[in-house]
């Protein structure tokens, strides 16, 4: 399942709700497992735009930034993107 969020507060909300009884550290890159074992990816809406940028260096920096993250941090992704 994929949840696209408009801001960090929305990411935090869904992350907190879906990890109750689940496993937030089971995966990286914004993925988590809820209490029923269903996998969810919680991402900022703007990540799609960042990943489709024609500049491969920008995309590479964003990928490097989010790969080690568990819950995604929009400020860090924006910094990597160069906003």
C-alpha atoms as a PDB file:
ATOM      1  CA  UNK A   1       0.000   0.000   0.000  1.00  0.00           C
ATOM      2  CA  UNK A   2       1.202   3.523  -0.733  1.00  0.00           C
ATOM      3  CA  UNK A   3       0.249   6.680   1.148  1.00  0.00           C
ATOM      4  CA  UNK A   4       1.321   9.975  -0.435  1.00  0.00           C
ATOM      5  CA  UNK A   5       1.447  12.770   2.128  1.00  0.00           C
ATOM      6  CA  UNK A   6       1.417  16.537   1.666  1.00  0.00           C
ATOM      7  CA  UNK A   7       3.764  17.370   4.574  1.00  0.00           C
ATOM      8  CA  UNK A   8       5.856  15.968   7.411  1.00  0.00           C
ATOM      9  CA  UNK A   9       2.969  16.184   9.875  1.00  0.00           C
ATOM     10  CA  UNK A  10       0.898  13.884   7.661  1.00  0.00           C
ATOM     11  CA  UNK A  11       3.822  11.463   7.266  1.00  0.00           C
ATOM     12  CA  UNK A  12       4.248  11.420  11.049  1.00  0.00           C
ATOM     13  CA  UNK A  13       0.511  10.854  11.575  1.00  0.00           C
ATOM     14  CA  UNK A  14       0.232   7.853   9.257  1.00  0.00           C
ATOM     15  CA  UNK A  15       3.543   6.454  10.470  1.00  0.00           C
ATOM     16  CA  UNK A  16       2.438   6.593  14.099  1.00  0.00           C
ATOM     17  CA  UNK A  17      -1.021   5.178  13.410  1.00  0.00           C
ATOM     18  CA  UNK A  18       0.124   2.318  11.190  1.00  0.00           C
ATOM     19  CA  UNK A  19       3.037   1.252  13.385  1.00  0.00           C
ATOM     20  CA  UNK A  20       0.878   0.773  16.483  1.00  0.00           C
ATOM     21  CA  UNK A  21       1.315  -2.918  17.088  1.00  0.00           C
ATOM     22  CA  UNK A  22       3.316  -3.209  13.866  1.00  0.00           C
ATOM     23  CA  UNK A  23       7.000  -3.054  13.018  1.00  0.00           C
ATOM     24  CA  UNK A  24       8.294   0.387  11.935  1.00  0.00           C
ATOM     25  CA  UNK A  25      11.889  -0.800  11.665  1.00  0.00           C
ATOM     26  CA  UNK A  26      11.179  -3.807   9.465  1.00  0.00           C
ATOM     27  CA  UNK A  27      12.103  -2.006   6.277  1.00  0.00           C
ATOM     28  CA  UNK A  28      13.694   1.166   4.969  1.00  0.00           C
ATOM     29  CA  UNK A  29      12.779   3.881   2.467  1.00  0.00           C
ATOM     30  CA  UNK A  30       9.490   4.796   4.095  1.00  0.00           C
ATOM     31  CA  UNK A  31       8.216   1.216   4.364  1.00  0.00           C
ATOM     32  CA  UNK A  32       6.626  -0.240   7.503  1.00  0.00           C
ATOM     33  CA  UNK A  33       4.487  -3.213   8.478  1.00  0.00           C
ATOM     34  CA  UNK A  34       1.236  -2.733  10.333  1.00  0.00           C
ATOM     35  CA  UNK A  35      -0.092  -4.985  13.077  1.00  0.00           C
ATOM     36  CA  UNK A  36      -1.540  -7.361  10.453  1.00  0.00           C
ATOM     37  CA  UNK A  37       1.734  -7.690   8.544  1.00  0.00           C
ATOM     38  CA  UNK A  38       0.590  -5.491   5.660  1.00  0.00           C
ATOM     39  CA  UNK A  39       3.417  -3.413   4.156  1.00  0.00           C
ATOM     40  CA  UNK A  40       2.865   0.313   3.629  1.00  0.00           C
ATOM     41  CA  UNK A  41       5.094   2.952   2.113  1.00  0.00           C
ATOM     42  CA  UNK A  42       4.554   6.422   3.541  1.00  0.00           C
ATOM     43  CA  UNK A  43       6.058   9.039   1.210  1.00  0.00           C
ATOM     44  CA  UNK A  44       5.859  12.765   0.584  1.00  0.00           C
ATOM     45  CA  UNK A  45       3.778  13.611  -2.482  1.00  0.00           C
ATOM     46  CA  UNK A  46       6.717  15.575  -3.931  1.00  0.00           C
ATOM     47  CA  UNK A  47       8.997  12.513  -3.988  1.00  0.00           C
ATOM     48  CA  UNK A  48       7.587  11.492  -7.386  1.00  0.00           C
ATOM     49  CA  UNK A  49       8.577  14.848  -8.852  1.00  0.00           C
ATOM     50  CA  UNK A  50      12.045  14.587  -7.320  1.00  0.00           C
ATOM     51  CA  UNK A  51      12.563  11.080  -8.704  1.00  0.00           C
ATOM     52  CA  UNK A  52      11.473  12.083 -12.212  1.00  0.00           C
ATOM     53  CA  UNK A  53      13.768  15.119 -12.422  1.00  0.00           C
ATOM     54  CA  UNK A  54      15.774  15.122 -15.673  1.00  0.00           C
ATOM     55  CA  UNK A  55      18.992  15.829 -13.731  1.00  0.00           C
ATOM     56  CA  UNK A  56      20.444  12.436 -12.735  1.00  0.00           C
ATOM     57  CA  UNK A  57      22.659  14.072 -10.103  1.00  0.00           C
ATOM     58  CA  UNK A  58      19.613  15.455  -8.273  1.00  0.00           C
ATOM     59  CA  UNK A  59      17.842  12.110  -8.439  1.00  0.00           C
ATOM     60  CA  UNK A  60      20.982  10.356  -7.199  1.00  0.00           C
ATOM     61  CA  UNK A  61      21.258  12.671  -4.195  1.00  0.00           C
ATOM     62  CA  UNK A  62      17.623  12.041  -3.278  1.00  0.00           C
ATOM     63  CA  UNK A  63      18.075   8.265  -3.586  1.00  0.00           C
ATOM     64  CA  UNK A  64      21.194   8.418  -1.406  1.00  0.00           C
ATOM     65  CA  UNK A  65      19.274  10.430   1.164  1.00  0.00           C
ATOM     66  CA  UNK A  66      16.213   8.176   1.439  1.00  0.00           C
ATOM     67  CA  UNK A  67      17.863   4.749   1.175  1.00  0.00           C
ATOM     68  CA  UNK A  68      19.060   4.626   4.799  1.00  0.00           C
ATOM     69  CA  UNK A  69      15.916   6.289   6.223  1.00  0.00           C
ATOM     70  CA  UNK A  70      13.189   4.349   7.919  1.00  0.00           C
ATOM     71  CA  UNK A  71      10.515   7.077   8.154  1.00  0.00           C
ATOM     72  CA  UNK A  72      11.122   9.614   5.389  1.00  0.00           C
ATOM     73  CA  UNK A  73      12.097  13.149   6.354  1.00  0.00           C
ATOM     74  CA  UNK A  74      10.943  15.768   3.850  1.00  0.00           C
ATOM     75  CA  UNK A  75      13.461  18.421   4.947  1.00  0.00           C
ATOM     76  CA  UNK A  76      16.379  16.049   4.340  1.00  0.00           C
ATOM     77  CA  UNK A  77      14.986  14.997   0.954  1.00  0.00           C
ATOM     78  CA  UNK A  78      14.513  18.624  -0.090  1.00  0.00           C
ATOM     79  CA  UNK A  79      18.051  19.453   0.969  1.00  0.00           C
ATOM     80  CA  UNK A  80      19.398  16.543  -1.066  1.00  0.00           C
ATOM     81  CA  UNK A  81      17.270  17.596  -4.031  1.00  0.00           C
ATOM     82  CA  UNK A  82      18.671  21.081  -3.855  1.00  0.00           C
ATOM     83  CA  UNK A  83      15.577  23.131  -3.092  1.00  0.00           C
END
